[in-house]
Amino acid sequence: MTSSIYTVLLLIASNIFMTLAWYGHLRLNEFTRFRSLPLIIIILFSWGIAFFEYCCQVPANRIGYKGDGGPFTLIQLKIIQEVVSLSVFVVITTFLFRTETFRWNHILAFILIVCAVYLVFKK
């Protein structure tokens, strides 16, 4: 049970870093100094954040993978990761990008993804 919890917590941390690396720089465009940086510097900045994503993602997969003694198959790990990724994305964009609107179709899509999780774990 603890490896399940560690896996999910590491996936949450990983996806926080991933979302900030992929989309956080868009928010930083509000700062004149950051906006004037060349694209290669922005890419390197994002890679620096993404390094911490990998520092969480790789151990999450190692701890969680059934082949390494964990509780999850590869398919289950991937589905969990996708749900965590979308959940973290929604929370971060809701707070960082106040112009984004969460609509009914987004909620329905998320419910369908949760259904996918149910189906993947069904024997």
PDB file of N, CA and C in Angstrom:
ATOM      1  N   MET A   1       0.822  -1.205   0.000  1.00  0.00           N
ATOM      2  CA  MET A   1       0.000   0.000   0.000  1.00  0.00           C
ATOM      3  C   MET A   1       0.861   1.262   0.000  1.00  0.00           C
ATOM      4  N   THR A   2       1.956   1.266   0.746  1.00  0.00           N
ATOM      5  CA  THR A   2       2.782   2.476   0.795  1.00  0.00           C
ATOM      6  C   THR A   2       3.442   2.763  -0.543  1.00  0.00           C
ATOM      7  N   SER A   3       3.789   1.712  -1.303  1.00  0.00           N
ATOM      8  CA  SER A   3       4.384   1.980  -2.612  1.00  0.00           C
ATOM      9  C   SER A   3       3.360   2.624  -3.540  1.00  0.00           C
ATOM     10  N   SER A   4       2.080   2.303  -3.369  1.00  0.00           N
ATOM     11  CA  SER A   4       1.030   2.959  -4.157  1.00  0.00           C
ATOM     12  C   SER A   4       0.971   4.446  -3.825  1.00  0.00           C
ATOM     13  N   ILE A   5       1.020   4.759  -2.546  1.00  0.00           N
ATOM     14  CA  ILE A   5       0.951   6.155  -2.108  1.00  0.00           C
ATOM     15  C   ILE A   5       2.190   6.929  -2.571  1.00  0.00           C
ATOM     16  N   TYR A   6       3.378   6.337  -2.386  1.00  0.00           N
ATOM     17  CA  TYR A   6       4.609   7.001  -2.843  1.00  0.00           C
ATOM     18  C   TYR A   6       4.567   7.238  -4.349  1.00  0.00           C
ATOM     19  N   THR A   7       4.082   6.248  -5.079  1.00  0.00           N
ATOM     20  CA  THR A   7       3.998   6.390  -6.534  1.00  0.00           C
ATOM     21  C   THR A   7       3.114   7.561  -6.919  1.00  0.00           C
ATOM     22  N   VAL A   8       1.936   7.632  -6.346  1.00  0.00           N
ATOM     23  CA  VAL A   8       0.995   8.712  -6.682  1.00  0.00           C
ATOM     24  C   VAL A   8       1.542  10.071  -6.242  1.00  0.00           C
ATOM     25  N   LEU A   9       2.136  10.144  -5.054  1.00  0.00           N
ATOM     26  CA  LEU A   9       2.703  11.417  -4.585  1.00  0.00           C
ATOM     27  C   LEU A   9       3.844  11.885  -5.483  1.00  0.00           C
ATOM     28  N   LEU A  10       4.695  10.960  -5.897  1.00  0.00           N
ATOM     29  CA  LEU A  10       5.780  11.322  -6.816  1.00  0.00           C
ATOM     30  C   LEU A  10       5.236  11.745  -8.177  1.00  0.00           C
ATOM     31  N   LEU A  11       4.165  11.084  -8.624  1.00  0.00           N
ATOM     32  CA  LEU A  11       3.551  11.491  -9.893  1.00  0.00           C
ATOM     33  C   LEU A  11       2.936  12.880  -9.794  1.00  0.00           C
ATOM     34  N   ILE A  12       2.346  13.195  -8.655  1.00  0.00           N
ATOM     35  CA  ILE A  12       1.802  14.550  -8.459  1.00  0.00           C
ATOM     36  C   ILE A  12       2.927  15.575  -8.502  1.00  0.00           C
ATOM     37  N   ALA A  13       4.008  15.313  -7.757  1.00  0.00           N
ATOM     38  CA  ALA A  13       5.153  16.243  -7.760  1.00  0.00           C
ATOM     39  C   ALA A  13       5.727  16.380  -9.171  1.00  0.00           C
ATOM     40  N   SER A  14       5.879  15.263  -9.849  1.00  0.00           N
ATOM     41  CA  SER A  14       6.404  15.278 -11.211  1.00  0.00           C
ATOM     42  C   SER A  14       5.547  16.144 -12.124  1.00  0.00           C
ATOM     43  N   ASN A  15       4.249  16.007 -12.016  1.00  0.00           N
ATOM     44  CA  ASN A  15       3.360  16.756 -12.899  1.00  0.00           C
ATOM     45  C   ASN A  15       3.254  18.226 -12.541  1.00  0.00           C
ATOM     46  N   ILE A  16       3.504  18.567 -11.299  1.00  0.00           N
ATOM     47  CA  ILE A  16       3.591  19.990 -10.943  1.00  0.00           C
ATOM     48  C   ILE A  16       4.781  20.606 -11.667  1.00  0.00           C
ATOM     49  N   PHE A  17       5.931  19.944 -11.591  1.00  0.00           N
ATOM     50  CA  PHE A  17       7.118  20.446 -12.297  1.00  0.00           C
ATOM     51  C   PHE A  17       6.892  20.459 -13.810  1.00  0.00           C
ATOM     52  N   MET A  18       6.263  19.403 -14.347  1.00  0.00           N
ATOM     53  CA  MET A  18       6.023  19.322 -15.781  1.00  0.00           C
ATOM     54  C   MET A  18       5.143  20.477 -16.255  1.00  0.00           C
ATOM     55  N   THR A  19       4.062  20.727 -15.534  1.00  0.00           N
ATOM     56  CA  THR A  19       3.143  21.794 -15.933  1.00  0.00           C
ATOM     57  C   THR A  19       3.832  23.150 -15.855  1.00  0.00           C
ATOM     58  N   LEU A  20       4.617  23.365 -14.811  1.00  0.00           N
ATOM     59  CA  LEU A  20       5.346  24.637 -14.705  1.00  0.00           C
ATOM     60  C   LEU A  20       6.392  24.772 -15.805  1.00  0.00           C
ATOM     61  N   ALA A  21       7.061  23.668 -16.150  1.00  0.00           N
ATOM     62  CA  ALA A  21       8.069  23.721 -17.217  1.00  0.00           C
ATOM     63  C   ALA A  21       7.430  23.986 -18.574  1.00  0.00           C
ATOM     64  N   TRP A  22       6.321  23.340 -18.848  1.00  0.00           N
ATOM     65  CA  TRP A  22       5.689  23.465 -20.154  1.00  0.00           C
ATOM     66  C   TRP A  22       4.892  24.742 -20.324  1.00  0.00           C
ATOM     67  N   TYR A  23       4.251  25.222 -19.250  1.00  0.00           N
ATOM     68  CA  TYR A  23       3.333  26.355 -19.392  1.00  0.00           C
ATOM     69  C   TYR A  23       3.676  27.561 -18.516  1.00  0.00           C
ATOM     70  N   GLY A  24       4.489  27.366 -17.497  1.00  0.00           N
ATOM     71  CA  GLY A  24       4.813  28.449 -16.569  1.00  0.00           C
ATOM     72  C   GLY A  24       5.477  29.633 -17.235  1.00  0.00           C
ATOM     73  N   HIS A  25       6.312  29.355 -18.240  1.00  0.00           N
ATOM     74  CA  HIS A  25       6.999  30.460 -18.927  1.00  0.00           C
ATOM     75  C   HIS A  25       6.022  31.386 -19.629  1.00  0.00           C
ATOM     76  N   LEU A  26       4.839  30.888 -19.967  1.00  0.00           N
ATOM     77  CA  LEU A  26       3.834  31.749 -20.594  1.00  0.00           C
ATOM     78  C   LEU A  26       3.355  32.819 -19.620  1.00  0.00           C
ATOM     79  N   ARG A  27       3.263  32.440 -18.370  1.00  0.00           N
ATOM     80  CA  ARG A  27       2.859  33.397 -17.324  1.00  0.00           C
ATOM     81  C   ARG A  27       3.982  34.407 -17.053  1.00  0.00           C
ATOM     82  N   LEU A  28       5.216  33.948 -17.160  1.00  0.00           N
ATOM     83  CA  LEU A  28       6.347  34.839 -16.902  1.00  0.00           C
ATOM     84  C   LEU A  28       6.515  35.903 -17.976  1.00  0.00           C
ATOM     85  N   ASN A  29       5.813  35.760 -19.092  1.00  0.00           N
ATOM     86  CA  ASN A  29       5.865  36.772 -20.152  1.00  0.00           C
ATOM     87  C   ASN A  29       5.367  38.130 -19.686  1.00  0.00           C
ATOM     88  N   GLU A  30       4.665  38.158 -18.575  1.00  0.00           N
ATOM     89  CA  GLU A  30       4.171  39.429 -18.041  1.00  0.00           C
ATOM     90  C   GLU A  30       5.309  40.320 -17.555  1.00  0.00           C
ATOM     91  N   PHE A  31       6.461  39.712 -17.280  1.00  0.00           N
ATOM     92  CA  PHE A  31       7.620  40.467 -16.814  1.00  0.00           C
ATOM     93  C   PHE A  31       8.479  40.856 -18.019  1.00  0.00           C
ATOM     94  N   THR A  32       8.701  42.148 -18.184  1.00  0.00           N
ATOM     95  CA  THR A  32       9.423  42.662 -19.344  1.00  0.00           C
ATOM     96  C   THR A  32      10.789  42.012 -19.497  1.00  0.00           C
ATOM     97  N   ARG A  33      11.502  41.872 -18.427  1.00  0.00           N
ATOM     98  CA  ARG A  33      12.852  41.283 -18.480  1.00  0.00           C
ATOM     99  C   ARG A  33      12.808  39.848 -19.009  1.00  0.00           C
ATOM    100  N   PHE A  34      11.821  39.076 -18.594  1.00  0.00           N
ATOM    101  CA  PHE A  34      11.694  37.686 -19.028  1.00  0.00           C
ATOM    102  C   PHE A  34      11.259  37.611 -20.490  1.00  0.00           C
ATOM    103  N   ARG A  35      10.349  38.505 -20.890  1.00  0.00           N
ATOM    104  CA  ARG A  35       9.820  38.517 -22.253  1.00  0.00           C
ATOM    105  C   ARG A  35      10.909  38.817 -23.278  1.00  0.00           C
ATOM    106  N   SER A  36      11.904  39.564 -22.889  1.00  0.00           N
ATOM    107  CA  SER A  36      12.952  39.954 -23.827  1.00  0.00           C
ATOM    108  C   SER A  36      14.053  38.894 -23.987  1.00  0.00           C
ATOM    109  N   LEU A  37      13.976  37.809 -23.228  1.00  0.00           N
ATOM    110  CA  LEU A  37      14.991  36.760 -23.337  1.00  0.00           C
ATOM    111  C   LEU A  37      14.833  35.992 -24.648  1.00  0.00           C
ATOM    112  N   PRO A  38      15.946  35.538 -25.226  1.00  0.00           N
ATOM    113  CA  PRO A  38      15.847  34.724 -26.450  1.00  0.00           C
ATOM    114  C   PRO A  38      15.161  33.379 -26.152  1.00  0.00           C
ATOM    115  N   LEU A  39      14.559  32.802 -27.176  1.00  0.00           N
ATOM    116  CA  LEU A  39      13.825  31.555 -27.022  1.00  0.00           C
ATOM    117  C   LEU A  39      14.697  30.435 -26.451  1.00  0.00           C
ATOM    118  N   ILE A  40      15.944  30.367 -26.842  1.00  0.00           N
ATOM    119  CA  ILE A  40      16.829  29.301 -26.353  1.00  0.00           C
ATOM    120  C   ILE A  40      16.999  29.386 -24.829  1.00  0.00           C
ATOM    121  N   ILE A  41      17.013  30.579 -24.282  1.00  0.00           N
ATOM    122  CA  ILE A  41      17.127  30.752 -22.828  1.00  0.00           C
ATOM    123  C   ILE A  41      15.836  30.275 -22.152  1.00  0.00           C
ATOM    124  N   ILE A  42      14.691  30.571 -22.761  1.00  0.00           N
ATOM    125  CA  ILE A  42      13.407  30.106 -22.226  1.00  0.00           C
ATOM    126  C   ILE A  42      13.373  28.581 -22.245  1.00  0.00           C
ATOM    127  N   ILE A  43      13.858  27.980 -23.336  1.00  0.00           N
ATOM    128  CA  ILE A  43      13.900  26.520 -23.437  1.00  0.00           C
ATOM    129  C   ILE A  43      14.801  25.943 -22.344  1.00  0.00           C
ATOM    130  N   LEU A  44      15.966  26.513 -22.152  1.00  0.00           N
ATOM    131  CA  LEU A  44      16.885  26.026 -21.112  1.00  0.00           C
ATOM    132  C   LEU A  44      16.284  26.201 -19.716  1.00  0.00           C
ATOM    133  N   PHE A  45      15.593  27.303 -19.507  1.00  0.00           N
ATOM    134  CA  PHE A  45      14.912  27.548 -18.241  1.00  0.00           C
ATOM    135  C   PHE A  45      13.867  26.452 -17.990  1.00  0.00           C
ATOM    136  N   SER A  46      13.079  26.145 -19.021  1.00  0.00           N
ATOM    137  CA  SER A  46      12.063  25.105 -18.892  1.00  0.00           C
ATOM    138  C   SER A  46      12.699  23.732 -18.678  1.00  0.00           C
ATOM    139  N   TRP A  47      13.798  23.459 -19.357  1.00  0.00           N
ATOM    140  CA  TRP A  47      14.507  22.190 -19.148  1.00  0.00           C
ATOM    141  C   TRP A  47      15.013  22.076 -17.718  1.00  0.00           C
ATOM    142  N   GLY A  48      15.436  23.186 -17.160  1.00  0.00           N
ATOM    143  CA  GLY A  48      15.883  23.176 -15.766  1.00  0.00           C
ATOM    144  C   GLY A  48      14.774  22.770 -14.817  1.00  0.00           C
ATOM    145  N   ILE A  49      13.570  23.236 -15.094  1.00  0.00           N
ATOM    146  CA  ILE A  49      12.411  22.840 -14.279  1.00  0.00           C
ATOM    147  C   ILE A  49      12.058  21.379 -14.566  1.00  0.00           C
ATOM    148  N   ALA A  50      12.111  20.987 -15.839  1.00  0.00           N
ATOM    149  CA  ALA A  50      11.758  19.620 -16.235  1.00  0.00           C
ATOM    150  C   ALA A  50      12.711  18.587 -15.632  1.00  0.00           C
ATOM    151  N   PHE A  51      13.944  18.980 -15.318  1.00  0.00           N
ATOM    152  CA  PHE A  51      14.871  18.064 -14.653  1.00  0.00           C
ATOM    153  C   PHE A  51      14.244  17.510 -13.383  1.00  0.00           C
ATOM    154  N   PHE A  52      13.565  18.366 -12.621  1.00  0.00           N
ATOM    155  CA  PHE A  52      12.945  17.931 -11.370  1.00  0.00           C
ATOM    156  C   PHE A  52      11.723  17.053 -11.645  1.00  0.00           C
ATOM    157  N   GLU A  53      11.083  17.275 -12.787  1.00  0.00           N
ATOM    158  CA  GLU A  53       9.994  16.374 -13.188  1.00  0.00           C
ATOM    159  C   GLU A  53      10.532  14.951 -13.309  1.00  0.00           C
ATOM    160  N   TYR A  54      11.651  14.802 -14.006  1.00  0.00           N
ATOM    161  CA  TYR A  54      12.240  13.477 -14.191  1.00  0.00           C
ATOM    162  C   TYR A  54      12.743  12.891 -12.877  1.00  0.00           C
ATOM    163  N   CYS A  55      13.211  13.744 -11.982  1.00  0.00           N
ATOM    164  CA  CYS A  55      13.684  13.277 -10.675  1.00  0.00           C
ATOM    165  C   CYS A  55      12.537  12.670  -9.850  1.00  0.00           C
ATOM    166  N   CYS A  56      11.321  13.011 -10.179  1.00  0.00           N
ATOM    167  CA  CYS A  56      10.146  12.438  -9.502  1.00  0.00           C
ATOM    168  C   CYS A  56       9.504  11.336 -10.343  1.00  0.00           C
ATOM    169  N   GLN A  57       9.458  11.537 -11.647  1.00  0.00           N
ATOM    170  CA  GLN A  57       8.779  10.592 -12.542  1.00  0.00           C
ATOM    171  C   GLN A  57       9.469   9.235 -12.586  1.00  0.00           C
ATOM    172  N   VAL A  58      10.780   9.228 -12.726  1.00  0.00           N
ATOM    173  CA  VAL A  58      11.516   7.961 -12.829  1.00  0.00           C
ATOM    174  C   VAL A  58      11.371   7.128 -11.555  1.00  0.00           C
ATOM    175  N   PRO A  59      11.581   7.695 -10.362  1.00  0.00           N
ATOM    176  CA  PRO A  59      11.355   6.885  -9.155  1.00  0.00           C
ATOM    177  C   PRO A  59       9.898   6.441  -8.996  1.00  0.00           C
ATOM    178  N   ALA A  60       8.952   7.279  -9.407  1.00  0.00           N
ATOM    179  CA  ALA A  60       7.536   6.887  -9.325  1.00  0.00           C
ATOM    180  C   ALA A  60       7.288   5.627 -10.142  1.00  0.00           C
ATOM    181  N   ASN A  61       7.837   5.593 -11.343  1.00  0.00           N
ATOM    182  CA  ASN A  61       7.659   4.421 -12.191  1.00  0.00           C
ATOM    183  C   ASN A  61       8.401   3.206 -11.630  1.00  0.00           C
ATOM    184  N   ARG A  62       9.592   3.427 -11.093  1.00  0.00           N
ATOM    185  CA  ARG A  62      10.358   2.318 -10.491  1.00  0.00           C
ATOM    186  C   ARG A  62       9.638   1.733  -9.288  1.00  0.00           C
ATOM    187  N   ILE A  63       9.142   2.598  -8.430  1.00  0.00           N
ATOM    188  CA  ILE A  63       8.460   2.147  -7.209  1.00  0.00           C
ATOM    189  C   ILE A  63       7.116   1.509  -7.559  1.00  0.00           C
ATOM    190  N   GLY A  64       6.423   2.069  -8.532  1.00  0.00           N
ATOM    191  CA  GLY A  64       5.075   1.627  -8.831  1.00  0.00           C
ATOM    192  C   GLY A  64       4.956   0.443  -9.773  1.00  0.00           C
ATOM    193  N   TYR A  65       5.991   0.178 -10.566  1.00  0.00           N
ATOM    194  CA  TYR A  65       5.909  -0.858 -11.602  1.00  0.00           C
ATOM    195  C   TYR A  65       5.923  -2.265 -11.008  1.00  0.00           C
ATOM    196  N   LYS A  66       4.949  -3.038 -11.413  1.00  0.00           N
ATOM    197  CA  LYS A  66       4.802  -4.417 -10.936  1.00  0.00           C
ATOM    198  C   LYS A  66       6.065  -5.243 -11.180  1.00  0.00           C
ATOM    199  N   GLY A  67       6.740  -5.041 -12.290  1.00  0.00           N
ATOM    200  CA  GLY A  67       7.970  -5.766 -12.623  1.00  0.00           C
ATOM    201  C   GLY A  67       9.113  -5.477 -11.667  1.00  0.00           C
ATOM    202  N   ASP A  68       9.032  -4.366 -10.946  1.00  0.00           N
ATOM    203  CA  ASP A  68      10.051  -3.996  -9.948  1.00  0.00           C
ATOM    204  C   ASP A  68       9.513  -4.165  -8.527  1.00  0.00           C
ATOM    205  N   GLY A  69       8.439  -4.930  -8.383  1.00  0.00           N
ATOM    206  CA  GLY A  69       7.874  -5.175  -7.057  1.00  0.00           C
ATOM    207  C   GLY A  69       6.763  -4.228  -6.650  1.00  0.00           C
ATOM    208  N   GLY A  70       6.378  -3.324  -7.538  1.00  0.00           N
ATOM    209  CA  GLY A  70       5.312  -2.373  -7.230  1.00  0.00           C
ATOM    210  C   GLY A  70       3.936  -2.958  -7.492  1.00  0.00           C
ATOM    211  N   PRO A  71       2.905  -2.177  -7.255  1.00  0.00           N
ATOM    212  CA  PRO A  71       1.534  -2.682  -7.378  1.00  0.00           C
ATOM    213  C   PRO A  71       0.883  -2.500  -8.755  1.00  0.00           C
ATOM    214  N   PHE A  72       1.523  -1.749  -9.680  1.00  0.00           N
ATOM    215  CA  PHE A  72       0.837  -1.361 -10.907  1.00  0.00           C
ATOM    216  C   PHE A  72       1.492  -1.943 -12.155  1.00  0.00           C
ATOM    217  N   THR A  73       0.651  -2.242 -13.159  1.00  0.00           N
ATOM    218  CA  THR A  73       1.163  -2.597 -14.478  1.00  0.00           C
ATOM    219  C   THR A  73       1.568  -1.299 -15.184  1.00  0.00           C
ATOM    220  N   LEU A  74       2.258  -1.434 -16.308  1.00  0.00           N
ATOM    221  CA  LEU A  74       2.644  -0.230 -17.063  1.00  0.00           C
ATOM    222  C   LEU A  74       1.422   0.552 -17.535  1.00  0.00           C
ATOM    223  N   ILE A  75       0.395  -0.159 -17.979  1.00  0.00           N
ATOM    224  CA  ILE A  75      -0.814   0.520 -18.452  1.00  0.00           C
ATOM    225  C   ILE A  75      -1.472   1.271 -17.300  1.00  0.00           C
ATOM    226  N   GLN A  76      -1.554   0.646 -16.134  1.00  0.00           N
ATOM    227  CA  GLN A  76      -2.144   1.316 -14.978  1.00  0.00           C
ATOM    228  C   GLN A  76      -1.331   2.540 -14.583  1.00  0.00           C
ATOM    229  N   LEU A  77       0.005   2.416 -14.599  1.00  0.00           N
ATOM    230  CA  LEU A  77       0.856   3.572 -14.283  1.00  0.00           C
ATOM    231  C   LEU A  77       0.593   4.728 -15.242  1.00  0.00           C
ATOM    232  N   LYS A  78       0.477   4.425 -16.521  1.00  0.00           N
ATOM    233  CA  LYS A  78       0.259   5.471 -17.526  1.00  0.00           C
ATOM    234  C   LYS A  78      -1.100   6.147 -17.335  1.00  0.00           C
ATOM    235  N   ILE A  79      -2.128   5.371 -17.070  1.00  0.00           N
ATOM    236  CA  ILE A  79      -3.455   5.949 -16.868  1.00  0.00           C
ATOM    237  C   ILE A  79      -3.473   6.819 -15.615  1.00  0.00           C
ATOM    238  N   ILE A  80      -2.854   6.340 -14.540  1.00  0.00           N
ATOM    239  CA  ILE A  80      -2.761   7.148 -13.312  1.00  0.00           C
ATOM    240  C   ILE A  80      -2.037   8.458 -13.616  1.00  0.00           C
ATOM    241  N   GLN A  81      -0.937   8.356 -14.348  1.00  0.00           N
ATOM    242  CA  GLN A  81      -0.149   9.545 -14.682  1.00  0.00           C
ATOM    243  C   GLN A  81      -0.973  10.544 -15.479  1.00  0.00           C
ATOM    244  N   GLU A  82      -1.780  10.070 -16.412  1.00  0.00           N
ATOM    245  CA  GLU A  82      -2.595  10.973 -17.221  1.00  0.00           C
ATOM    246  C   GLU A  82      -3.649  11.684 -16.383  1.00  0.00           C
ATOM    247  N   VAL A  83      -4.290  10.957 -15.474  1.00  0.00           N
ATOM    248  CA  VAL A  83      -5.298  11.577 -14.604  1.00  0.00           C
ATOM    249  C   VAL A  83      -4.638  12.608 -13.694  1.00  0.00           C
ATOM    250  N   VAL A  84      -3.494  12.241 -13.125  1.00  0.00           N
ATOM    251  CA  VAL A  84      -2.763  13.183 -12.269  1.00  0.00           C
ATOM    252  C   VAL A  84      -2.343  14.397 -13.084  1.00  0.00           C
ATOM    253  N   SER A  85      -1.847  14.162 -14.290  1.00  0.00           N
ATOM    254  CA  SER A  85      -1.399  15.260 -15.154  1.00  0.00           C
ATOM    255  C   SER A  85      -2.525  16.243 -15.437  1.00  0.00           C
ATOM    256  N   LEU A  86      -3.680  15.728 -15.818  1.00  0.00           N
ATOM    257  CA  LEU A  86      -4.810  16.619 -16.111  1.00  0.00           C
ATOM    258  C   LEU A  86      -5.323  17.320 -14.861  1.00  0.00           C
ATOM    259  N   SER A  87      -5.333  16.621 -13.742  1.00  0.00           N
ATOM    260  CA  SER A  87      -5.787  17.237 -12.482  1.00  0.00           C
ATOM    261  C   SER A  87      -4.869  18.380 -12.079  1.00  0.00           C
ATOM    262  N   VAL A  88      -3.567  18.127 -12.121  1.00  0.00           N
ATOM    263  CA  VAL A  88      -2.589  19.167 -11.765  1.00  0.00           C
ATOM    264  C   VAL A  88      -2.688  20.329 -12.745  1.00  0.00           C
ATOM    265  N   PHE A  89      -2.826  20.018 -14.035  1.00  0.00           N
ATOM    266  CA  PHE A  89      -2.941  21.057 -15.045  1.00  0.00           C
ATOM    267  C   PHE A  89      -4.134  21.969 -14.777  1.00  0.00           C
ATOM    268  N   VAL A  90      -5.277  21.376 -14.468  1.00  0.00           N
ATOM    269  CA  VAL A  90      -6.490  22.170 -14.209  1.00  0.00           C
ATOM    270  C   VAL A  90      -6.285  23.067 -12.993  1.00  0.00           C
ATOM    271  N   VAL A  91      -5.712  22.532 -11.932  1.00  0.00           N
ATOM    272  CA  VAL A  91      -5.504  23.331 -10.719  1.00  0.00           C
ATOM    273  C   VAL A  91      -4.529  24.475 -10.993  1.00  0.00           C
ATOM    274  N   ILE A  92      -3.412  24.176 -11.623  1.00  0.00           N
ATOM    275  CA  ILE A  92      -2.401  25.212 -11.870  1.00  0.00           C
ATOM    276  C   ILE A  92      -2.925  26.277 -12.839  1.00  0.00           C
ATOM    277  N   THR A  93      -3.575  25.865 -13.921  1.00  0.00           N
ATOM    278  CA  THR A  93      -4.067  26.879 -14.866  1.00  0.00           C
ATOM    279  C   THR A  93      -5.204  27.700 -14.282  1.00  0.00           C
ATOM    280  N   THR A  94      -5.970  27.094 -13.379  1.00  0.00           N
ATOM    281  CA  THR A  94      -7.041  27.853 -12.734  1.00  0.00           C
ATOM    282  C   THR A  94      -6.464  28.977 -11.878  1.00  0.00           C
ATOM    283  N   PHE A  95      -5.336  28.727 -11.242  1.00  0.00           N
ATOM    284  CA  PHE A  95      -4.732  29.744 -10.375  1.00  0.00           C
ATOM    285  C   PHE A  95      -3.767  30.665 -11.115  1.00  0.00           C
ATOM    286  N   LEU A  96      -2.988  30.136 -12.059  1.00  0.00           N
ATOM    287  CA  LEU A  96      -2.002  30.967 -12.752  1.00  0.00           C
ATOM    288  C   LEU A  96      -2.574  31.731 -13.937  1.00  0.00           C
ATOM    289  N   PHE A  97      -3.494  31.104 -14.646  1.00  0.00           N
ATOM    290  CA  PHE A  97      -4.067  31.717 -15.837  1.00  0.00           C
ATOM    291  C   PHE A  97      -5.554  31.947 -15.594  1.00  0.00           C
ATOM    292  N   ARG A  98      -5.870  33.034 -15.009  1.00  0.00           N
ATOM    293  CA  ARG A  98      -7.257  33.319 -14.630  1.00  0.00           C
ATOM    294  C   ARG A  98      -8.154  33.577 -15.839  1.00  0.00           C
ATOM    295  N   THR A  99      -7.573  33.680 -17.017  1.00  0.00           N
ATOM    296  CA  THR A  99      -8.375  33.893 -18.221  1.00  0.00           C
ATOM    297  C   THR A  99      -8.927  32.581 -18.775  1.00  0.00           C
ATOM    298  N   GLU A 100      -8.378  31.459 -18.322  1.00  0.00           N
ATOM    299  CA  GLU A 100      -8.855  30.151 -18.778  1.00  0.00           C
ATOM    300  C   GLU A 100     -10.166  29.815 -18.074  1.00  0.00           C
ATOM    301  N   THR A 101     -11.119  29.269 -18.818  1.00  0.00           N
ATOM    302  CA  THR A 101     -12.420  28.919 -18.264  1.00  0.00           C
ATOM    303  C   THR A 101     -12.589  27.411 -18.300  1.00  0.00           C
ATOM    304  N   PHE A 102     -13.007  26.857 -17.183  1.00  0.00           N
ATOM    305  CA  PHE A 102     -13.283  25.431 -17.077  1.00  0.00           C
ATOM    306  C   PHE A 102     -14.758  25.227 -17.390  1.00  0.00           C
ATOM    307  N   ARG A 103     -15.065  24.557 -18.501  1.00  0.00           N
ATOM    308  CA  ARG A 103     -16.444  24.426 -18.978  1.00  0.00           C
ATOM    309  C   ARG A 103     -16.985  23.015 -18.761  1.00  0.00           C
ATOM    310  N   TRP A 104     -18.270  22.847 -19.037  1.00  0.00           N
ATOM    311  CA  TRP A 104     -18.937  21.559 -18.836  1.00  0.00           C
ATOM    312  C   TRP A 104     -18.299  20.455 -19.654  1.00  0.00           C
ATOM    313  N   ASN A 105     -17.882  20.759 -20.889  1.00  0.00           N
ATOM    314  CA  ASN A 105     -17.284  19.723 -21.733  1.00  0.00           C
ATOM    315  C   ASN A 105     -15.926  19.266 -21.195  1.00  0.00           C
ATOM    316  N   HIS A 106     -15.222  20.158 -20.503  1.00  0.00           N
ATOM    317  CA  HIS A 106     -13.974  19.783 -19.859  1.00  0.00           C
ATOM    318  C   HIS A 106     -14.256  18.818 -18.712  1.00  0.00           C
ATOM    319  N   ILE A 107     -15.302  19.115 -17.964  1.00  0.00           N
ATOM    320  CA  ILE A 107     -15.686  18.239 -16.844  1.00  0.00           C
ATOM    321  C   ILE A 107     -16.098  16.865 -17.368  1.00  0.00           C
ATOM    322  N   LEU A 108     -16.874  16.845 -18.439  1.00  0.00           N
ATOM    323  CA  LEU A 108     -17.299  15.578 -19.027  1.00  0.00           C
ATOM    324  C   LEU A 108     -16.085  14.782 -19.526  1.00  0.00           C
ATOM    325  N   ALA A 109     -15.162  15.446 -20.160  1.00  0.00           N
ATOM    326  CA  ALA A 109     -13.952  14.774 -20.637  1.00  0.00           C
ATOM    327  C   ALA A 109     -13.178  14.169 -19.464  1.00  0.00           C
ATOM    328  N   PHE A 110     -13.091  14.905 -18.378  1.00  0.00           N
ATOM    329  CA  PHE A 110     -12.391  14.400 -17.196  1.00  0.00           C
ATOM    330  C   PHE A 110     -13.119  13.186 -16.617  1.00  0.00           C
ATOM    331  N   ILE A 111     -14.436  13.225 -16.589  1.00  0.00           N
ATOM    332  CA  ILE A 111     -15.224  12.083 -16.096  1.00  0.00           C
ATOM    333  C   ILE A 111     -14.958  10.847 -16.966  1.00  0.00           C
ATOM    334  N   LEU A 112     -14.857  11.040 -18.268  1.00  0.00           N
ATOM    335  CA  LEU A 112     -14.564   9.923 -19.162  1.00  0.00           C
ATOM    336  C   LEU A 112     -13.162   9.364 -18.907  1.00  0.00           C
ATOM    337  N   ILE A 113     -12.229  10.222 -18.563  1.00  0.00           N
ATOM    338  CA  ILE A 113     -10.887   9.744 -18.227  1.00  0.00           C
ATOM    339  C   ILE A 113     -10.920   8.942 -16.931  1.00  0.00           C
ATOM    340  N   VAL A 114     -11.697   9.392 -15.966  1.00  0.00           N
ATOM    341  CA  VAL A 114     -11.861   8.632 -14.717  1.00  0.00           C
ATOM    342  C   VAL A 114     -12.496   7.274 -15.022  1.00  0.00           C
ATOM    343  N   CYS A 115     -13.419   7.236 -15.967  1.00  0.00           N
ATOM    344  CA  CYS A 115     -13.995   5.956 -16.392  1.00  0.00           C
ATOM    345  C   CYS A 115     -12.913   5.047 -16.986  1.00  0.00           C
ATOM    346  N   ALA A 116     -11.984   5.639 -17.718  1.00  0.00           N
ATOM    347  CA  ALA A 116     -10.870   4.861 -18.267  1.00  0.00           C
ATOM    348  C   ALA A 116     -10.044   4.253 -17.143  1.00  0.00           C
ATOM    349  N   VAL A 117      -9.826   4.999 -16.078  1.00  0.00           N
ATOM    350  CA  VAL A 117      -9.087   4.470 -14.923  1.00  0.00           C
ATOM    351  C   VAL A 117      -9.829   3.270 -14.352  1.00  0.00           C
ATOM    352  N   TYR A 118     -11.128   3.406 -14.189  1.00  0.00           N
ATOM    353  CA  TYR A 118     -11.935   2.300 -13.673  1.00  0.00           C
ATOM    354  C   TYR A 118     -11.774   1.064 -14.555  1.00  0.00           C
ATOM    355  N   LEU A 119     -11.868   1.240 -15.866  1.00  0.00           N
ATOM    356  CA  LEU A 119     -11.769   0.118 -16.787  1.00  0.00           C
ATOM    357  C   LEU A 119     -10.387  -0.530 -16.772  1.00  0.00           C
ATOM    358  N   VAL A 120      -9.349   0.269 -16.644  1.00  0.00           N
ATOM    359  CA  VAL A 120      -7.989  -0.273 -16.616  1.00  0.00           C
ATOM    360  C   VAL A 120      -7.753  -1.122 -15.363  1.00  0.00           C
ATOM    361  N   PHE A 121      -8.353  -0.740 -14.258  1.00  0.00           N
ATOM    362  CA  PHE A 121      -8.157  -1.483 -13.011  1.00  0.00           C
ATOM    363  C   PHE A 121      -9.142  -2.631 -12.841  1.00  0.00           C
ATOM    364  N   LYS A 122     -10.134  -2.715 -13.721  1.00  0.00           N
ATOM    365  CA  LYS A 122     -11.128  -3.788 -13.639  1.00  0.00           C
ATOM    366  C   LYS A 122     -10.490  -5.088 -14.105  1.00  0.00           C
ATOM    367  N   LYS A 123     -10.692  -6.134 -13.352  1.00  0.00           N
ATOM    368  CA  LYS A 123     -10.142  -7.454 -13.687  1.00  0.00           C
ATOM    369  C   LYS A 123     -10.971  -8.108 -14.775  1.00  0.00           C
TER     370      LYS A 123
END
